[in-house]
Amino acid sequence: MNTTRRILIVKTIGLCAALAISPARAATPSQLAESDPAALALGYKSIAATVDSKRFPKYQSGQNCANCQFFQGGAQDATGGCPMFGTRSVARNGWCNAYAKRV
């Protein structure tokens, strides 16, 4: 399966999960743990600088959740929602393999 197809599948799953959650749960998302199965599948690290660039060659210095198009936190928020992980929030300094630069 090519990378583009994999990203589209992950986006679709994340969007479906985001739409399925209740507003009450969306208001207080729990912090995503690096050991979570979804986090492991996408190579999520709460500190982007700790990403294994040999395992994830897509990673480049300076990439993090705060400048990813999927990050739903505010400019000063330490964490924010991410449709890739449903009801859980991610660290603004984190990174995962679904990273897409915010334009």
C-alpha atoms as a PDB file:
ATOM      1  CA  MET A   1       0.000   0.000   0.000  1.00  0.00           C
ATOM      2  CA  ASN A   2       1.511   3.329  -0.963  1.00  0.00           C
ATOM      3  CA  THR A   3       1.988   6.197   1.470  1.00  0.00           C
ATOM      4  CA  THR A   4      -0.712   8.411  -0.046  1.00  0.00           C
ATOM      5  CA  ARG A   5      -3.322   5.677   0.211  1.00  0.00           C
ATOM      6  CA  ARG A   6      -2.284   4.909   3.792  1.00  0.00           C
ATOM      7  CA  ILE A   7      -2.572   8.575   4.793  1.00  0.00           C
ATOM      8  CA  LEU A   8      -6.014   8.841   3.183  1.00  0.00           C
ATOM      9  CA  ILE A   9      -7.178   5.742   5.056  1.00  0.00           C
ATOM     10  CA  VAL A  10      -5.847   7.092   8.360  1.00  0.00           C
ATOM     11  CA  LYS A  11      -7.496  10.475   7.719  1.00  0.00           C
ATOM     12  CA  THR A  12     -10.816   8.800   6.957  1.00  0.00           C
ATOM     13  CA  ILE A  13     -10.660   6.682  10.106  1.00  0.00           C
ATOM     14  CA  GLY A  14      -9.715   9.714  12.181  1.00  0.00           C
ATOM     15  CA  LEU A  15     -12.512  11.804  10.719  1.00  0.00           C
ATOM     16  CA  CYS A  16     -15.067   9.062  11.365  1.00  0.00           C
ATOM     17  CA  ALA A  17     -13.862   8.757  14.953  1.00  0.00           C
ATOM     18  CA  ALA A  18     -14.016  12.535  15.432  1.00  0.00           C
ATOM     19  CA  LEU A  19     -17.574  12.683  14.103  1.00  0.00           C
ATOM     20  CA  ALA A  20     -18.679   9.788  16.281  1.00  0.00           C
ATOM     21  CA  ILE A  21     -17.624  11.300  19.611  1.00  0.00           C
ATOM     22  CA  SER A  22     -20.100  13.143  21.780  1.00  0.00           C
ATOM     23  CA  PRO A  23     -19.687  16.892  22.395  1.00  0.00           C
ATOM     24  CA  ALA A  24     -19.134  16.262  26.126  1.00  0.00           C
ATOM     25  CA  ARG A  25     -16.201  13.944  25.472  1.00  0.00           C
ATOM     26  CA  ALA A  26     -14.787  16.289  22.844  1.00  0.00           C
ATOM     27  CA  ALA A  27     -14.622  19.105  25.415  1.00  0.00           C
ATOM     28  CA  THR A  28     -12.164  17.236  27.626  1.00  0.00           C
ATOM     29  CA  PRO A  29      -9.950  14.938  25.552  1.00  0.00           C
ATOM     30  CA  SER A  30      -7.487  12.736  27.370  1.00  0.00           C
ATOM     31  CA  GLN A  31      -3.780  12.962  26.601  1.00  0.00           C
ATOM     32  CA  LEU A  32      -2.552  10.418  24.052  1.00  0.00           C
ATOM     33  CA  ALA A  33       0.062   8.037  25.450  1.00  0.00           C
ATOM     34  CA  GLU A  34       2.971   6.957  23.254  1.00  0.00           C
ATOM     35  CA  SER A  35       2.120   3.358  24.200  1.00  0.00           C
ATOM     36  CA  ASP A  36      -1.422   3.620  22.815  1.00  0.00           C
ATOM     37  CA  PRO A  37      -1.962   1.265  19.829  1.00  0.00           C
ATOM     38  CA  ALA A  38      -2.987   4.155  17.542  1.00  0.00           C
ATOM     39  CA  ALA A  39       0.084   6.137  18.626  1.00  0.00           C
ATOM     40  CA  LEU A  40       2.338   3.153  17.959  1.00  0.00           C
ATOM     41  CA  ALA A  41       0.784   2.622  14.533  1.00  0.00           C
ATOM     42  CA  LEU A  42       1.546   6.217  13.516  1.00  0.00           C
ATOM     43  CA  GLY A  43       4.862   6.531  15.327  1.00  0.00           C
ATOM     44  CA  TYR A  44       3.574   9.274  17.666  1.00  0.00           C
ATOM     45  CA  LYS A  45       6.109  10.844  20.004  1.00  0.00           C
ATOM     46  CA  SER A  46       5.124  13.556  22.486  1.00  0.00           C
ATOM     47  CA  ILE A  47       8.464  15.289  21.830  1.00  0.00           C
ATOM     48  CA  ALA A  48       9.235  15.488  18.121  1.00  0.00           C
ATOM     49  CA  ALA A  49      12.989  15.632  18.687  1.00  0.00           C
ATOM     50  CA  THR A  50      12.871  12.024  19.948  1.00  0.00           C
ATOM     51  CA  VAL A  51      11.509  10.626  16.650  1.00  0.00           C
ATOM     52  CA  ASP A  52      13.684   7.870  15.180  1.00  0.00           C
ATOM     53  CA  SER A  53      14.444   9.393  11.766  1.00  0.00           C
ATOM     54  CA  LYS A  54      15.739   6.054  10.474  1.00  0.00           C
ATOM     55  CA  ARG A  55      12.390   4.423  11.191  1.00  0.00           C
ATOM     56  CA  PHE A  56      10.450   7.500  10.048  1.00  0.00           C
ATOM     57  CA  PRO A  57      12.484   9.142   7.260  1.00  0.00           C
ATOM     58  CA  LYS A  58       9.569  11.513   6.571  1.00  0.00           C
ATOM     59  CA  TYR A  59      10.379  13.349   9.827  1.00  0.00           C
ATOM     60  CA  GLN A  60      12.329  16.589   9.466  1.00  0.00           C
ATOM     61  CA  SER A  61      13.599  18.842  12.215  1.00  0.00           C
ATOM     62  CA  GLY A  62      11.083  21.592  12.967  1.00  0.00           C
ATOM     63  CA  GLN A  63       8.020  19.458  12.252  1.00  0.00           C
ATOM     64  CA  ASN A  64       5.652  19.109  15.197  1.00  0.00           C
ATOM     65  CA  CYS A  65       1.964  18.874  15.948  1.00  0.00           C
ATOM     66  CA  ALA A  66       1.643  22.648  16.416  1.00  0.00           C
ATOM     67  CA  ASN A  67       2.480  23.258  12.750  1.00  0.00           C
ATOM     68  CA  CYS A  68       0.520  20.263  11.419  1.00  0.00           C
ATOM     69  CA  GLN A  69      -2.750  20.896   9.589  1.00  0.00           C
ATOM     70  CA  PHE A  70      -4.538  18.371  11.815  1.00  0.00           C
ATOM     71  CA  PHE A  71      -3.673  20.022  15.167  1.00  0.00           C
ATOM     72  CA  GLN A  72      -6.826  21.490  16.688  1.00  0.00           C
ATOM     73  CA  GLY A  73      -5.277  23.331  19.620  1.00  0.00           C
ATOM     74  CA  GLY A  74      -4.900  27.073  19.914  1.00  0.00           C
ATOM     75  CA  ALA A  75      -1.686  28.999  19.348  1.00  0.00           C
ATOM     76  CA  GLN A  76      -0.751  28.883  23.048  1.00  0.00           C
ATOM     77  CA  ASP A  77      -2.244  25.494  23.986  1.00  0.00           C
ATOM     78  CA  ALA A  78       0.161  22.825  25.250  1.00  0.00           C
ATOM     79  CA  THR A  79      -2.117  20.134  23.816  1.00  0.00           C
ATOM     80  CA  GLY A  80      -4.858  19.940  21.248  1.00  0.00           C
ATOM     81  CA  GLY A  81      -7.147  17.542  19.524  1.00  0.00           C
ATOM     82  CA  CYS A  82      -6.156  15.568  16.464  1.00  0.00           C
ATOM     83  CA  PRO A  83      -8.602  13.684  14.226  1.00  0.00           C
ATOM     84  CA  MET A  84      -6.009  10.937  13.758  1.00  0.00           C
ATOM     85  CA  PHE A  85      -6.473   9.964  17.413  1.00  0.00           C
ATOM     86  CA  GLY A  86     -10.199  10.470  17.976  1.00  0.00           C
ATOM     87  CA  THR A  87     -10.962  11.777  21.460  1.00  0.00           C
ATOM     88  CA  ARG A  88      -7.377  12.043  22.678  1.00  0.00           C
ATOM     89  CA  SER A  89      -5.246  15.167  22.599  1.00  0.00           C
ATOM     90  CA  VAL A  90      -1.656  15.390  21.403  1.00  0.00           C
ATOM     91  CA  ALA A  91       1.254  17.487  22.630  1.00  0.00           C
ATOM     92  CA  ARG A  92       1.944  20.572  20.540  1.00  0.00           C
ATOM     93  CA  ASN A  93       5.620  19.521  20.480  1.00  0.00           C
ATOM     94  CA  GLY A  94       4.734  15.987  19.373  1.00  0.00           C
ATOM     95  CA  TRP A  95       4.901  14.353  15.958  1.00  0.00           C
ATOM     96  CA  CYS A  96       3.409  11.389  14.094  1.00  0.00           C
ATOM     97  CA  ASN A  97       3.758   9.888  10.638  1.00  0.00           C
ATOM     98  CA  ALA A  98       0.465  11.486   9.512  1.00  0.00           C
ATOM     99  CA  TYR A  99       2.127  14.935   9.786  1.00  0.00           C
ATOM    100  CA  ALA A 100       1.070  17.354   7.058  1.00  0.00           C
ATOM    101  CA  LYS A 101       2.422  20.897   7.085  1.00  0.00           C
ATOM    102  CA  ARG A 102      -0.165  23.538   7.844  1.00  0.00           C
ATOM    103  CA  VAL A 103      -0.577  25.940   4.957  1.00  0.00           C
END
